[in-house]
Amino acid sequence: MNGAEAFVGTLKDCGVEVCFANPGTSEMQLVAAVDRTHGMRAVLGLFEGVVTGAADGYGRMADKPAVTLLHLGPGLGNGLANLHNARRAGSPIINMVGDHATYHLHYNAPLTSDAQGVARPMSDWVRVSTSERDLAQAGAEAFAVAQSYPGKVATVIVPADHAWNEGSAKVAVPTLPAPAKVPADAITATAEALKSGEGPKCLFLGGRALREDALVQAGRIAAATGARLICETFAARHQRGAGRVAVEKLPYFGEMAQAYIAGLRTIVFCGTEPPVSFFAYPGKPSFLSPPEAQLVRLASLREDALDALTALADALDAPAQPALVQQAALPPAAPGKLDAANFGAILAELLPENAIVSDEGATQGGASFVMTAGAKPHDWLQLTGGAIGQGLPLAVGAAVACPDRKVIALQADGSGMYTNQALWTMAREQLDVTTIILNNGSYAILNIELSRVGVQNPGPKALSMLDLRNPEINWAELSRGLGVPAVRVDTAEAFREALAEALAAKGPRLIEALL
């Protein structure tokens, strides 16, 4: 075998089955290796941000890594924003990044760069192979890192000569470490804090604590203690809907979030850290927990949330049945002109059971989350790192991971333009994704933020930088040009008809909702 064949073959033996790719000349041996590896699916993205975002969506739904194939440091650089989101989500991802042959680097060819330096900020682990024989070992190590609970971003930089040189071989699949467990003393201390603490209390949940099985345990704890269940504003994967344990969502704006939890006197954190304001604002606090509250860490993102919550529920002698189970409920949808409220109500009405929602709806999408609380059971994926341009690629990866489930991408118009190439991949792979563009012709959130940072009476230049109407973006035409059938709607009646038709079909569809 050459190095590339041993590397890709080792990944396949580890259980990696999908390669999201945007290769170049230095990766041709890796392309050939993927081609020759039986059972390794290749999915092409026309921009590296699509590739890395798709790997994030795949990792969130499959709970194992896909591998990306990226072209040198600049190609990796193009994908960094969605690797930032993936890292914040705790998603398992392996990046294989081609580089110039080792003997070619010192000539400083046009695409020469510090690939390690590009990789480090958005990777949990970076490794450059030292030879063609070492390349497979680097792949096995990368897999072990990526599968560290709940997941990490592992990057292997592959010099071209290590890929094409013969004399390599696959290596053994590594033994994966068990998830870190919360110490028994921490369980005991948390139970005591919940039993003895005076005043209102809550479990503040994130990460794997928002999976269905962990939420059952959180509901048991709520039943035993009367604690509220609140979760982080942007969750990697939240399993919710009728019949599942309901969790309150912390508001986005810092002062609203601060007021939301102001009365709490004991806050237990599991799978996440104490909340902070998304940005700094003049005269407003960054740390949001009440100063008089007792803050207790049960489990970090990197500790087994299900095990910790189960142990805590048992320590409290909690009842077997959880509290706060969500009842089925569908809000009414007002007829007429389409707005955020009737849009969300219709989505809740038609949402299929076991659907996956990739939510980058921004200002217009917030009502949809509230409206769908009592819809059929589903998974809701959000923008964990705040780097926009995630929603469409995330939907691609989720659809590849779960081909038997309907994926719905709620996508704001402005951030959708960052990675609209994902529509082409949906068409090429015939992925079962219904994309809904929430088109208000504006970076609406920035209009709000402009006033929140104290800007008074913004002038036409400032406002023009937040406006998307000159020229108007026609998403339906753009979608059709990329191979995805599309319609435009502006009334509740038309949206209901279009969504029902799209959900009944198999394969990609786009609805441009004019709000």
Protein backbone atom coordinates (compact mmCIF):
# COMPACT_ATOMS: atom_id res chain seq x y z
CA MET A 1 0.00 0.00 0.00
CA ASN A 2 0.97 3.60 -0.39
CA GLY A 3 0.51 5.95 2.57
CA ALA A 4 -2.85 7.27 1.40
CA GLU A 5 -4.30 3.78 1.00
CA ALA A 6 -3.11 2.73 4.45
CA PHE A 7 -4.45 5.93 6.00
CA VAL A 8 -7.92 5.75 4.44
CA GLY A 9 -8.10 1.98 4.95
CA THR A 10 -7.32 2.38 8.63
CA LEU A 11 -10.06 4.99 9.01
CA LYS A 12 -12.53 2.65 7.31
CA ASP A 13 -11.54 -0.21 9.65
CA CYS A 14 -12.19 2.18 12.56
CA GLY A 15 -15.75 2.70 11.33
CA VAL A 16 -15.41 5.91 9.29
CA GLU A 17 -17.78 5.55 6.35
CA VAL A 18 -18.14 9.02 4.82
CA CYS A 19 -15.66 11.47 3.32
CA PHE A 20 -16.90 15.04 2.76
CA ALA A 21 -14.46 16.37 0.19
CA ASN A 22 -13.17 19.44 -1.61
CA PRO A 23 -9.77 18.24 -2.84
CA GLY A 24 -7.01 19.76 -4.97
CA THR A 25 -3.86 18.61 -6.73
CA SER A 26 -1.94 17.73 -3.56
CA GLU A 27 -4.75 15.39 -2.47
CA MET A 28 -5.06 13.26 -5.61
CA GLN A 29 -3.52 10.20 -3.93
CA LEU A 30 -6.05 10.58 -1.12
CA VAL A 31 -8.85 10.87 -3.70
CA ALA A 32 -7.65 7.63 -5.31
CA ALA A 33 -7.46 5.93 -1.92
CA VAL A 34 -11.04 6.89 -1.08
CA ASP A 35 -12.06 5.58 -4.51
CA ARG A 36 -10.42 2.21 -3.84
CA THR A 37 -11.73 1.81 -0.28
CA HIS A 38 -14.92 -0.25 -0.35
CA GLY A 39 -17.65 1.20 1.87
CA MET A 40 -16.21 4.72 2.04
CA ARG A 41 -18.77 7.15 0.61
CA ALA A 42 -17.47 10.32 -1.04
CA VAL A 43 -19.63 13.47 -0.85
CA LEU A 44 -18.40 16.52 -2.77
CA GLY A 45 -18.90 20.05 -1.48
CA LEU A 46 -18.24 23.06 -3.68
CA PHE A 47 -16.88 25.12 -0.79
CA GLU A 48 -14.87 24.01 2.22
CA GLY A 49 -17.39 25.52 4.65
CA VAL A 50 -19.97 23.12 3.23
CA VAL A 51 -17.56 20.22 3.77
CA THR A 52 -16.75 21.04 7.40
CA GLY A 53 -20.35 21.97 8.27
CA ALA A 54 -21.60 18.71 6.77
CA ALA A 55 -19.06 16.77 8.85
CA ASP A 56 -20.44 18.57 11.92
CA GLY A 57 -24.04 17.62 11.09
CA TYR A 58 -23.00 14.04 10.42
CA GLY A 59 -21.11 13.82 13.71
CA ARG A 60 -24.01 15.22 15.74
CA MET A 61 -26.42 12.64 14.33
CA ALA A 62 -24.18 9.59 13.89
CA ASP A 63 -22.14 10.07 17.10
CA LYS A 64 -19.06 9.06 15.14
CA PRO A 65 -16.78 11.00 12.80
CA ALA A 66 -16.82 11.51 9.09
CA VAL A 67 -13.53 12.53 7.50
CA THR A 68 -13.09 15.73 5.54
CA LEU A 69 -10.68 16.08 2.62
CA LEU A 70 -9.32 19.62 2.29
CA HIS A 71 -6.76 21.28 0.04
CA LEU A 72 -3.71 22.64 1.88
CA GLY A 73 -3.79 25.40 4.49
CA PRO A 74 -5.90 27.86 2.45
CA GLY A 75 -8.58 25.23 1.79
CA LEU A 76 -8.65 24.37 5.48
CA GLY A 77 -8.88 28.08 6.21
CA ASN A 78 -12.02 28.33 4.11
CA GLY A 79 -13.63 25.70 6.35
CA LEU A 80 -12.59 27.04 9.75
CA ALA A 81 -15.83 28.84 10.69
CA ASN A 82 -17.86 25.64 10.69
CA LEU A 83 -15.05 23.76 12.46
CA HIS A 84 -15.39 26.41 15.17
CA ASN A 85 -19.10 25.58 15.44
CA ALA A 86 -18.33 21.85 15.46
CA ARG A 87 -15.77 22.23 18.21
CA ARG A 88 -18.25 24.17 20.33
CA ALA A 89 -20.82 21.42 19.68
CA GLY A 90 -18.48 18.65 20.79
CA SER A 91 -18.81 16.99 17.39
CA PRO A 92 -16.49 14.17 16.31
CA ILE A 93 -14.64 15.12 13.09
CA ILE A 94 -11.43 13.99 11.41
CA ASN A 95 -9.84 16.40 8.94
CA MET A 96 -7.30 15.10 6.42
CA VAL A 97 -5.56 18.12 4.97
CA GLY A 98 -3.17 17.71 2.09
CA ASP A 99 0.10 19.59 2.01
CA HIS A 100 3.01 19.96 -0.38
CA ALA A 101 5.55 17.18 -0.51
CA THR A 102 8.10 17.58 2.26
CA TYR A 103 10.95 18.28 -0.17
CA HIS A 104 8.84 20.91 -1.98
CA LEU A 105 7.93 23.07 1.01
CA HIS A 106 11.16 25.06 1.15
CA TYR A 107 10.63 26.34 -2.40
CA ASN A 108 7.73 28.45 -1.08
CA ALA A 109 5.33 27.71 -3.94
CA PRO A 110 2.21 29.91 -4.15
CA LEU A 111 0.01 27.64 -1.99
CA THR A 112 2.64 27.05 0.69
CA SER A 113 1.35 27.97 4.15
CA ASP A 114 1.65 27.09 7.81
CA ALA A 115 -1.05 24.39 7.71
CA GLN A 116 -0.51 23.51 11.36
CA GLY A 117 -0.93 27.14 12.33
CA VAL A 118 -4.17 27.33 10.34
CA ALA A 119 -5.50 24.15 11.93
CA ARG A 120 -4.72 24.74 15.60
CA PRO A 121 -7.33 27.38 16.58
CA MET A 122 -10.28 25.24 15.46
CA SER A 123 -8.89 21.77 16.22
CA ASP A 124 -8.61 19.92 19.50
CA TRP A 125 -5.64 17.93 18.16
CA VAL A 126 -3.28 18.44 15.20
CA ARG A 127 -0.71 15.99 13.83
CA VAL A 128 1.57 16.03 10.79
CA SER A 129 2.58 12.59 9.54
CA THR A 130 6.30 11.89 9.65
CA SER A 131 6.45 9.27 6.88
CA GLU A 132 4.27 7.10 4.67
CA ARG A 133 4.47 4.36 7.32
CA ASP A 134 3.41 6.79 10.05
CA LEU A 135 0.37 8.06 8.14
CA ALA A 136 -1.92 5.14 9.05
CA GLN A 137 -0.90 5.47 12.70
CA ALA A 138 -1.79 9.15 12.58
CA GLY A 139 -5.22 8.18 11.25
CA ALA A 140 -5.82 5.71 14.06
CA GLU A 141 -4.78 8.31 16.63
CA ALA A 142 -7.06 10.88 15.01
CA PHE A 143 -10.01 8.50 15.25
CA ALA A 144 -9.39 7.89 18.96
CA VAL A 145 -9.20 11.63 19.61
CA ALA A 146 -12.33 12.38 17.57
CA GLN A 147 -14.29 9.77 19.52
CA SER A 148 -13.28 11.23 22.90
CA TYR A 149 -16.59 11.95 24.65
CA PRO A 150 -18.66 13.60 23.33
CA GLY A 151 -16.44 14.32 20.32
CA LYS A 152 -13.42 16.34 19.23
CA VAL A 153 -12.01 17.86 16.05
CA ALA A 154 -8.84 15.99 15.03
CA THR A 155 -6.73 17.21 12.10
CA VAL A 156 -4.08 15.22 10.24
CA ILE A 157 -1.86 17.08 7.79
CA VAL A 158 -0.74 14.79 4.97
CA PRO A 159 2.38 15.72 2.95
CA ALA A 160 1.87 14.61 -0.65
CA ASP A 161 4.95 12.37 -0.72
CA HIS A 162 3.78 10.51 2.38
CA ALA A 163 0.53 9.84 0.53
CA TRP A 164 2.05 8.53 -2.69
CA ASN A 165 5.10 6.66 -1.35
CA GLU A 166 4.73 2.86 -1.21
CA GLY A 167 5.65 0.66 1.73
CA SER A 168 2.87 1.43 4.20
CA ALA A 169 0.22 -0.76 5.82
CA LYS A 170 -2.96 -0.36 7.82
CA VAL A 171 -2.70 -0.37 11.61
CA ALA A 172 -4.94 -1.84 14.28
CA VAL A 173 -8.13 -0.11 15.35
CA PRO A 174 -7.41 1.73 18.61
CA THR A 175 -9.17 0.96 21.86
CA LEU A 176 -11.41 3.89 22.70
CA PRO A 177 -11.37 5.31 26.22
CA ALA A 178 -14.61 5.21 28.19
CA PRO A 179 -16.27 8.57 28.85
CA ALA A 180 -15.01 10.30 31.97
CA LYS A 181 -17.32 9.67 34.93
CA VAL A 182 -18.28 12.23 37.54
CA PRO A 183 -16.75 11.31 40.94
CA ALA A 184 -19.10 9.91 43.57
CA ASP A 185 -18.27 12.83 45.89
CA ALA A 186 -19.55 15.28 43.28
CA ILE A 187 -22.81 13.34 43.01
CA THR A 188 -23.23 13.40 46.78
CA ALA A 189 -22.43 17.11 47.00
CA THR A 190 -24.88 17.95 44.23
CA ALA A 191 -27.64 15.90 45.82
CA GLU A 192 -27.06 17.69 49.11
CA ALA A 193 -27.15 21.10 47.41
CA LEU A 194 -30.49 20.30 45.80
CA LYS A 195 -31.98 18.91 49.03
CA SER A 196 -30.74 21.59 51.42
CA GLY A 197 -30.68 24.65 49.18
CA GLU A 198 -33.37 27.21 49.95
CA GLY A 199 -35.38 28.96 47.27
CA PRO A 200 -35.88 28.17 43.59
CA LYS A 201 -33.42 25.81 41.92
CA CYS A 202 -32.74 24.48 38.45
CA LEU A 203 -30.73 22.03 36.42
CA PHE A 204 -28.96 23.93 33.64
CA LEU A 205 -28.36 21.49 30.79
CA GLY A 206 -26.29 21.31 27.62
CA GLY A 207 -24.35 18.91 25.41
CA ARG A 208 -25.34 15.25 25.76
CA ALA A 209 -27.62 16.12 28.70
CA LEU A 210 -30.19 17.16 26.06
CA ARG A 211 -30.51 13.67 24.62
CA GLU A 212 -33.77 11.84 25.34
CA ASP A 213 -32.36 9.28 27.78
CA ALA A 214 -30.51 11.93 29.81
CA LEU A 215 -33.59 14.16 29.88
CA VAL A 216 -35.59 11.33 31.43
CA GLN A 217 -33.12 11.35 34.32
CA ALA A 218 -33.28 15.14 34.54
CA GLY A 219 -37.05 14.85 34.71
CA ARG A 220 -36.73 12.36 37.58
CA ILE A 221 -34.55 14.88 39.43
CA ALA A 222 -37.13 17.60 38.77
CA ALA A 223 -39.83 15.34 40.18
CA ALA A 224 -37.80 14.77 43.37
CA THR A 225 -36.66 18.34 43.96
CA GLY A 226 -39.01 20.69 42.15
CA ALA A 227 -36.07 22.03 40.15
CA ARG A 228 -36.73 23.76 36.85
CA LEU A 229 -34.99 22.40 33.74
CA ILE A 230 -33.31 25.09 31.64
CA CYS A 231 -30.91 24.59 28.74
CA GLU A 232 -28.23 26.57 26.97
CA THR A 233 -29.43 28.94 24.24
CA PHE A 234 -27.80 27.10 21.34
CA ALA A 235 -27.78 23.32 21.64
CA ALA A 236 -25.83 20.86 19.51
CA ARG A 237 -28.69 18.35 19.48
CA HIS A 238 -31.84 18.69 21.56
CA GLN A 239 -34.30 15.79 21.49
CA ARG A 240 -37.70 17.31 22.14
CA GLY A 241 -41.42 17.19 21.30
CA ALA A 242 -44.51 15.44 22.63
CA GLY A 243 -43.78 12.65 25.10
CA ARG A 244 -40.26 13.86 25.88
CA VAL A 245 -39.13 15.78 28.96
CA ALA A 246 -39.57 19.50 28.28
CA VAL A 247 -36.78 21.98 28.93
CA GLU A 248 -36.94 25.75 29.07
CA LYS A 249 -34.63 27.63 26.69
CA LEU A 250 -32.42 30.43 28.07
CA PRO A 251 -33.10 33.65 26.10
CA TYR A 252 -30.44 34.97 23.73
CA PHE A 253 -30.00 38.58 24.80
CA GLY A 254 -27.89 38.87 27.94
CA GLU A 255 -30.19 41.08 30.00
CA MET A 256 -33.19 38.88 29.17
CA ALA A 257 -31.22 35.77 30.12
CA GLN A 258 -30.09 37.42 33.35
CA ALA A 259 -33.67 38.31 34.27
CA TYR A 260 -34.85 34.80 33.33
CA ILE A 261 -32.67 33.13 35.97
CA ALA A 262 -32.47 36.02 38.45
CA GLY A 263 -34.62 34.37 41.11
CA LEU A 264 -32.73 31.08 41.24
CA ARG A 265 -30.80 30.24 44.39
CA THR A 266 -29.26 26.90 43.37
CA ILE A 267 -28.12 26.14 39.82
CA VAL A 268 -26.68 22.74 38.91
CA PHE A 269 -24.78 22.59 35.61
CA CYS A 270 -24.60 19.44 33.51
CA GLY A 271 -22.99 19.24 30.08
CA THR A 272 -22.31 22.96 29.93
CA GLU A 273 -20.85 25.93 31.77
CA PRO A 274 -22.52 28.89 33.52
CA PRO A 275 -24.08 31.15 30.86
CA VAL A 276 -22.42 34.34 29.68
CA SER A 277 -23.60 37.10 27.40
CA PHE A 278 -23.00 36.27 23.73
CA PHE A 279 -21.28 39.66 23.26
CA ALA A 280 -20.15 42.47 25.52
CA TYR A 281 -22.35 45.57 25.66
CA PRO A 282 -21.67 48.95 27.27
CA GLY A 283 -22.90 48.94 30.86
CA LYS A 284 -24.26 45.39 30.77
CA PRO A 285 -22.89 42.32 32.58
CA SER A 286 -21.08 39.43 30.89
CA PHE A 287 -21.60 36.78 33.60
CA LEU A 288 -25.31 36.07 33.91
CA SER A 289 -25.84 33.82 36.95
CA PRO A 290 -27.30 35.54 40.03
CA PRO A 291 -24.48 36.57 42.41
CA GLU A 292 -26.37 35.15 45.40
CA ALA A 293 -27.00 31.76 43.77
CA GLN A 294 -25.13 28.60 44.72
CA LEU A 295 -23.49 27.33 41.49
CA VAL A 296 -22.78 23.60 41.40
CA ARG A 297 -21.00 21.74 38.62
CA LEU A 298 -22.35 18.25 38.21
CA ALA A 299 -20.72 17.39 34.87
CA SER A 300 -18.75 19.29 32.25
CA LEU A 301 -19.22 18.84 28.51
CA ARG A 302 -16.46 16.19 28.62
CA GLU A 303 -18.01 14.10 31.43
CA ASP A 304 -20.72 11.47 30.93
CA ALA A 305 -23.98 13.40 31.31
CA LEU A 306 -26.30 10.39 31.27
CA ASP A 307 -24.29 8.58 33.94
CA ALA A 308 -24.11 11.71 36.12
CA LEU A 309 -27.82 12.48 35.90
CA THR A 310 -28.76 8.85 36.54
CA ALA A 311 -26.51 8.68 39.58
CA LEU A 312 -27.89 11.97 40.89
CA ALA A 313 -31.50 10.84 40.41
CA ASP A 314 -30.76 7.61 42.27
CA ALA A 315 -28.96 9.49 45.07
CA LEU A 316 -32.11 11.58 45.51
CA ASP A 317 -34.35 8.47 45.54
CA ALA A 318 -36.17 10.12 42.66
CA PRO A 319 -39.33 8.48 41.30
CA ALA A 320 -38.99 6.25 38.26
CA GLN A 321 -41.22 8.45 36.13
CA PRO A 322 -39.98 11.90 35.14
CA ALA A 323 -41.80 15.18 35.68
CA LEU A 324 -42.29 17.85 33.02
CA VAL A 325 -43.20 15.50 30.17
CA GLN A 326 -44.31 17.55 27.19
CA GLN A 327 -47.92 17.10 26.14
CA ALA A 328 -48.91 17.14 22.48
CA ALA A 329 -50.04 20.66 21.56
CA LEU A 330 -50.34 22.51 18.26
CA PRO A 331 -50.85 26.28 18.25
CA PRO A 332 -53.38 27.74 15.79
CA ALA A 333 -52.08 29.35 12.60
CA ALA A 334 -53.68 32.64 11.65
CA PRO A 335 -54.56 32.91 7.95
CA GLY A 336 -53.27 35.56 5.59
CA LYS A 337 -49.88 37.17 5.27
CA LEU A 338 -47.00 34.95 6.39
CA ASP A 339 -45.21 36.00 9.58
CA ALA A 340 -43.04 34.33 12.20
CA ALA A 341 -46.03 33.22 14.29
CA ASN A 342 -48.17 31.49 11.66
CA PHE A 343 -45.02 30.14 10.01
CA GLY A 344 -44.03 28.43 13.28
CA ALA A 345 -47.55 27.12 13.87
CA ILE A 346 -47.75 25.53 10.42
CA LEU A 347 -44.28 24.00 10.86
CA ALA A 348 -45.42 22.46 14.16
CA GLU A 349 -48.58 21.11 12.52
CA LEU A 350 -46.75 19.40 9.66
CA LEU A 351 -43.45 18.44 11.31
CA PRO A 352 -42.97 14.69 10.69
CA GLU A 353 -42.24 12.33 13.53
CA ASN A 354 -38.51 11.80 14.05
CA ALA A 355 -37.64 14.78 11.85
CA ILE A 356 -34.30 16.57 12.20
CA VAL A 357 -34.38 20.37 12.22
CA SER A 358 -31.22 22.31 11.36
CA ASP A 359 -31.99 25.74 12.76
CA GLU A 360 -30.19 28.83 11.51
CA GLY A 361 -33.40 30.82 11.29
CA ALA A 362 -31.99 33.76 13.29
CA THR A 363 -34.51 36.51 14.15
CA GLN A 364 -37.38 35.00 12.18
CA GLY A 365 -36.81 31.45 13.42
CA GLY A 366 -37.17 31.96 17.16
CA ALA A 367 -40.94 31.56 17.15
CA SER A 368 -40.61 28.21 15.40
CA PHE A 369 -38.72 26.71 18.32
CA VAL A 370 -41.42 27.81 20.76
CA MET A 371 -44.30 26.72 18.51
CA THR A 372 -42.90 23.22 17.93
CA ALA A 373 -42.49 22.33 21.63
CA GLY A 374 -45.55 20.05 21.51
CA ALA A 375 -45.07 18.77 17.97
CA LYS A 376 -44.19 15.17 17.14
CA PRO A 377 -40.84 14.01 18.62
CA HIS A 378 -37.87 15.42 16.72
CA ASP A 379 -34.23 16.51 17.00
CA TRP A 380 -33.32 20.22 16.91
CA LEU A 381 -29.76 21.24 15.91
CA GLN A 382 -28.54 24.80 16.48
CA LEU A 383 -25.72 27.23 15.78
CA THR A 384 -23.42 26.33 18.66
CA GLY A 385 -20.50 28.61 17.91
CA GLY A 386 -22.26 31.63 16.43
CA ALA A 387 -20.32 31.48 13.13
CA ILE A 388 -23.10 31.86 10.57
CA GLY A 389 -23.29 29.78 7.43
CA GLN A 390 -23.82 26.53 9.30
CA GLY A 391 -27.48 25.69 8.66
CA LEU A 392 -27.44 24.28 5.11
CA PRO A 393 -24.21 22.27 5.47
CA LEU A 394 -25.39 20.90 8.82
CA ALA A 395 -28.55 19.66 7.09
CA VAL A 396 -26.43 17.93 4.44
CA GLY A 397 -24.47 16.02 7.06
CA ALA A 398 -27.56 15.11 9.08
CA ALA A 399 -29.26 13.75 5.95
CA VAL A 400 -26.22 11.64 5.05
CA ALA A 401 -26.10 10.26 8.60
CA CYS A 402 -29.85 9.55 8.77
CA PRO A 403 -31.17 8.79 5.26
CA ASP A 404 -34.43 7.40 6.64
CA ARG A 405 -35.35 10.64 8.45
CA LYS A 406 -36.72 13.88 7.01
CA VAL A 407 -34.39 16.85 7.51
CA ILE A 408 -35.74 20.41 7.60
CA ALA A 409 -33.31 23.31 7.28
CA LEU A 410 -34.63 26.58 8.72
CA GLN A 411 -32.30 29.07 7.09
CA ALA A 412 -32.12 32.85 7.40
CA ASP A 413 -31.53 34.52 4.05
CA GLY A 414 -28.39 36.46 4.91
CA SER A 415 -26.43 33.65 6.57
CA GLY A 416 -27.65 31.20 3.94
CA MET A 417 -25.62 33.05 1.32
CA TYR A 418 -22.41 32.06 3.11
CA THR A 419 -22.80 28.39 2.12
CA ASN A 420 -25.55 28.24 -0.52
CA GLN A 421 -23.38 25.74 -2.44
CA ALA A 422 -24.80 23.13 -0.02
CA LEU A 423 -27.95 23.09 -2.18
CA TRP A 424 -25.90 21.66 -5.05
CA THR A 425 -24.67 18.84 -2.80
CA MET A 426 -28.25 18.13 -1.71
CA ALA A 427 -29.24 17.82 -5.37
CA ARG A 428 -26.22 15.74 -6.35
CA GLU A 429 -26.74 13.28 -3.49
CA GLN A 430 -30.57 13.46 -3.63
CA LEU A 431 -30.68 14.13 0.10
CA ASP A 432 -34.08 14.20 1.78
CA VAL A 433 -33.83 17.82 2.93
CA THR A 434 -36.58 20.42 2.85
CA THR A 435 -34.91 23.83 3.03
CA ILE A 436 -37.03 26.78 4.14
CA ILE A 437 -35.47 30.18 3.52
CA LEU A 438 -36.76 32.81 5.95
CA ASN A 439 -36.40 35.81 3.68
CA ASN A 440 -36.80 39.22 5.28
CA GLY A 441 -34.25 40.92 3.05
CA SER A 442 -32.03 41.96 5.92
CA TYR A 443 -29.40 41.06 8.48
CA ALA A 444 -32.21 41.76 10.94
CA ILE A 445 -30.27 40.76 14.05
CA LEU A 446 -27.64 43.39 13.27
CA ASN A 447 -30.28 46.10 13.05
CA ILE A 448 -31.19 45.17 16.61
CA GLU A 449 -27.56 44.95 17.73
CA LEU A 450 -26.76 48.37 16.29
CA SER A 451 -29.00 50.01 18.84
CA ARG A 452 -27.97 47.65 21.64
CA VAL A 453 -24.35 48.77 21.45
CA GLY A 454 -25.45 52.40 21.73
CA VAL A 455 -25.42 53.60 18.13
CA GLN A 456 -27.99 56.38 17.80
CA ASN A 457 -29.50 57.57 14.51
CA PRO A 458 -27.43 55.39 12.14
CA GLY A 459 -26.89 56.93 8.73
CA PRO A 460 -27.55 55.49 5.28
CA LYS A 461 -24.07 53.93 4.97
CA ALA A 462 -24.50 52.00 8.22
CA LEU A 463 -28.01 50.84 7.31
CA SER A 464 -26.91 49.83 3.81
CA MET A 465 -24.44 47.35 5.33
CA LEU A 466 -27.35 45.52 6.99
CA ASP A 467 -29.75 45.51 4.02
CA LEU A 468 -30.08 42.66 1.50
CA ARG A 469 -32.66 44.19 -0.88
CA ASN A 470 -30.35 46.01 -3.28
CA PRO A 471 -30.33 43.87 -5.32
CA GLU A 472 -32.99 41.45 -4.09
CA ILE A 473 -31.86 37.84 -3.73
CA ASN A 474 -34.26 35.41 -5.37
CA TRP A 475 -33.63 32.18 -3.53
CA ALA A 476 -36.09 30.16 -5.59
CA GLU A 477 -34.20 30.96 -8.78
CA LEU A 478 -30.85 30.36 -7.08
CA SER A 479 -32.06 26.99 -5.80
CA ARG A 480 -33.33 25.85 -9.18
CA GLY A 481 -29.99 26.85 -10.69
CA LEU A 482 -28.27 24.53 -8.21
CA GLY A 483 -30.61 21.65 -8.98
CA VAL A 484 -33.17 21.86 -6.14
CA PRO A 485 -36.86 22.43 -7.04
CA ALA A 486 -38.16 25.58 -5.34
CA VAL A 487 -41.21 27.78 -4.77
CA ARG A 488 -41.82 31.22 -3.25
CA VAL A 489 -44.67 31.81 -0.79
CA ASP A 490 -45.92 34.82 1.14
CA THR A 491 -49.16 33.62 2.78
CA ALA A 492 -49.95 31.05 5.42
CA GLU A 493 -52.12 29.12 2.99
CA ALA A 494 -49.43 28.92 0.33
CA PHE A 495 -46.79 27.94 2.88
CA ARG A 496 -48.91 25.12 4.29
CA GLU A 497 -49.51 23.73 0.79
CA ALA A 498 -45.85 24.02 -0.21
CA LEU A 499 -44.55 22.46 3.00
CA ALA A 500 -47.00 19.56 2.85
CA GLU A 501 -45.96 18.86 -0.74
CA ALA A 502 -42.24 19.06 0.06
CA LEU A 503 -42.52 16.77 3.08
CA ALA A 504 -44.52 14.22 1.09
CA ALA A 505 -41.79 14.06 -1.57
CA LYS A 506 -38.46 12.27 -1.31
CA GLY A 507 -35.38 14.33 -2.07
CA PRO A 508 -34.40 17.98 -1.80
CA ARG A 509 -36.92 20.83 -2.01
CA LEU A 510 -36.67 24.54 -1.17
CA ILE A 511 -39.40 26.90 -0.01
CA GLU A 512 -38.61 30.61 0.00
CA ALA A 513 -40.83 32.12 2.69
CA LEU A 514 -41.22 35.88 2.26
CA LEU A 515 -41.74 37.28 5.76
